[in-house]
Amino acid sequence: MAGQAEGGAMRGHHLSLWQVFRAPTVIAAFSLFGLIAALLGDGLWDLVGALTLGVSVLATIWALAARRR
């Protein structure tokens, strides 16, 4: 019974391909840019690399916190 109620609620909610993959695509772009920036040089490039790689960590923390609510 419970499975039927959950399945019925999900049937009316369709997501487009872009809606499903938007966040993972943005996180991947930040990660790729961060890795390349960290490889390009020292100083400012290291800072830019660390900050952009931190986006994926923050996104993971946010998703875990939102899931527990």
C-alpha atoms as a PDB file:
ATOM      1  CA  MET A   1       0.000   0.000   0.000  1.00  0.00           C
ATOM      2  CA  ALA A   2       2.696   2.498   0.969  1.00  0.00           C
ATOM      3  CA  GLY A   3       4.615   1.831  -2.254  1.00  0.00           C
ATOM      4  CA  GLN A   4       1.529   2.553  -4.308  1.00  0.00           C
ATOM      5  CA  ALA A   5       0.965   5.886  -2.584  1.00  0.00           C
ATOM      6  CA  GLU A   6       4.558   6.957  -3.164  1.00  0.00           C
ATOM      7  CA  GLY A   7       4.517   5.833  -6.783  1.00  0.00           C
ATOM      8  CA  GLY A   8       1.310   7.713  -7.463  1.00  0.00           C
ATOM      9  CA  ALA A   9       2.735  10.941  -6.122  1.00  0.00           C
ATOM     10  CA  MET A  10       5.790  10.678  -8.364  1.00  0.00           C
ATOM     11  CA  ARG A  11       3.833   9.906 -11.524  1.00  0.00           C
ATOM     12  CA  GLY A  12       2.564  13.449 -11.985  1.00  0.00           C
ATOM     13  CA  HIS A  13       5.974  15.084 -11.527  1.00  0.00           C
ATOM     14  CA  HIS A  14       8.124  14.886 -14.661  1.00  0.00           C
ATOM     15  CA  LEU A  15      11.539  16.493 -14.843  1.00  0.00           C
ATOM     16  CA  SER A  16      13.293  17.446 -18.033  1.00  0.00           C
ATOM     17  CA  LEU A  17      16.761  16.144 -18.779  1.00  0.00           C
ATOM     18  CA  TRP A  18      18.245  19.576 -18.018  1.00  0.00           C
ATOM     19  CA  GLN A  19      16.462  19.739 -14.646  1.00  0.00           C
ATOM     20  CA  VAL A  20      17.893  16.358 -13.670  1.00  0.00           C
ATOM     21  CA  PHE A  21      21.482  17.023 -14.765  1.00  0.00           C
ATOM     22  CA  ARG A  22      21.789  20.789 -14.155  1.00  0.00           C
ATOM     23  CA  ALA A  23      23.364  20.612 -10.680  1.00  0.00           C
ATOM     24  CA  PRO A  24      25.768  17.735 -11.472  1.00  0.00           C
ATOM     25  CA  THR A  25      26.864  19.542 -14.652  1.00  0.00           C
ATOM     26  CA  VAL A  26      27.586  22.769 -12.763  1.00  0.00           C
ATOM     27  CA  ILE A  27      29.465  20.889 -10.034  1.00  0.00           C
ATOM     28  CA  ALA A  28      31.506  19.019 -12.656  1.00  0.00           C
ATOM     29  CA  ALA A  29      32.343  22.289 -14.444  1.00  0.00           C
ATOM     30  CA  PHE A  30      33.539  23.896 -11.191  1.00  0.00           C
ATOM     31  CA  SER A  31      35.594  20.794 -10.341  1.00  0.00           C
ATOM     32  CA  LEU A  32      37.200  20.656 -13.777  1.00  0.00           C
ATOM     33  CA  PHE A  33      37.998  24.369 -13.708  1.00  0.00           C
ATOM     34  CA  GLY A  34      39.429  24.023 -10.195  1.00  0.00           C
ATOM     35  CA  LEU A  35      41.665  21.121 -11.159  1.00  0.00           C
ATOM     36  CA  ILE A  36      42.960  22.937 -14.236  1.00  0.00           C
ATOM     37  CA  ALA A  37      43.500  26.167 -12.285  1.00  0.00           C
ATOM     38  CA  ALA A  38      45.473  24.321  -9.603  1.00  0.00           C
ATOM     39  CA  LEU A  39      47.706  22.797 -12.280  1.00  0.00           C
ATOM     40  CA  LEU A  40      48.354  26.086 -14.092  1.00  0.00           C
ATOM     41  CA  GLY A  41      50.509  27.753 -11.496  1.00  0.00           C
ATOM     42  CA  ASP A  42      51.112  28.877  -7.956  1.00  0.00           C
ATOM     43  CA  GLY A  43      49.755  31.647  -5.786  1.00  0.00           C
ATOM     44  CA  LEU A  44      46.473  32.988  -7.088  1.00  0.00           C
ATOM     45  CA  TRP A  45      45.886  29.908  -9.249  1.00  0.00           C
ATOM     46  CA  ASP A  46      46.115  27.675  -6.184  1.00  0.00           C
ATOM     47  CA  LEU A  47      43.574  29.829  -4.376  1.00  0.00           C
ATOM     48  CA  VAL A  48      41.188  29.785  -7.337  1.00  0.00           C
ATOM     49  CA  GLY A  49      41.612  26.010  -7.624  1.00  0.00           C
ATOM     50  CA  ALA A  50      40.923  25.438  -3.941  1.00  0.00           C
ATOM     51  CA  LEU A  51      37.841  27.661  -3.945  1.00  0.00           C
ATOM     52  CA  THR A  52      36.296  26.103  -7.030  1.00  0.00           C
ATOM     53  CA  LEU A  53      37.029  22.572  -5.805  1.00  0.00           C
ATOM     54  CA  GLY A  54      35.361  23.537  -2.528  1.00  0.00           C
ATOM     55  CA  VAL A  55      32.087  24.044  -4.404  1.00  0.00           C
ATOM     56  CA  SER A  56      31.619  20.278  -4.723  1.00  0.00           C
ATOM     57  CA  VAL A  57      32.273  19.814  -0.998  1.00  0.00           C
ATOM     58  CA  LEU A  58      29.749  22.527  -0.113  1.00  0.00           C
ATOM     59  CA  ALA A  59      27.190  21.061  -2.528  1.00  0.00           C
ATOM     60  CA  THR A  60      27.568  17.640  -0.889  1.00  0.00           C
ATOM     61  CA  ILE A  61      27.151  19.080   2.616  1.00  0.00           C
ATOM     62  CA  TRP A  62      24.101  21.072   1.501  1.00  0.00           C
ATOM     63  CA  ALA A  63      22.513  18.010  -0.149  1.00  0.00           C
ATOM     64  CA  LEU A  64      23.051  15.832   2.916  1.00  0.00           C
ATOM     65  CA  ALA A  65      21.604  18.516   5.194  1.00  0.00           C
ATOM     66  CA  ALA A  66      18.585  19.013   2.916  1.00  0.00           C
ATOM     67  CA  ARG A  67      17.980  15.261   2.746  1.00  0.00           C
ATOM     68  CA  ARG A  68      17.756  14.971   6.551  1.00  0.00           C
ATOM     69  CA  ARG A  69      15.023  17.609   6.809  1.00  0.00           C
END
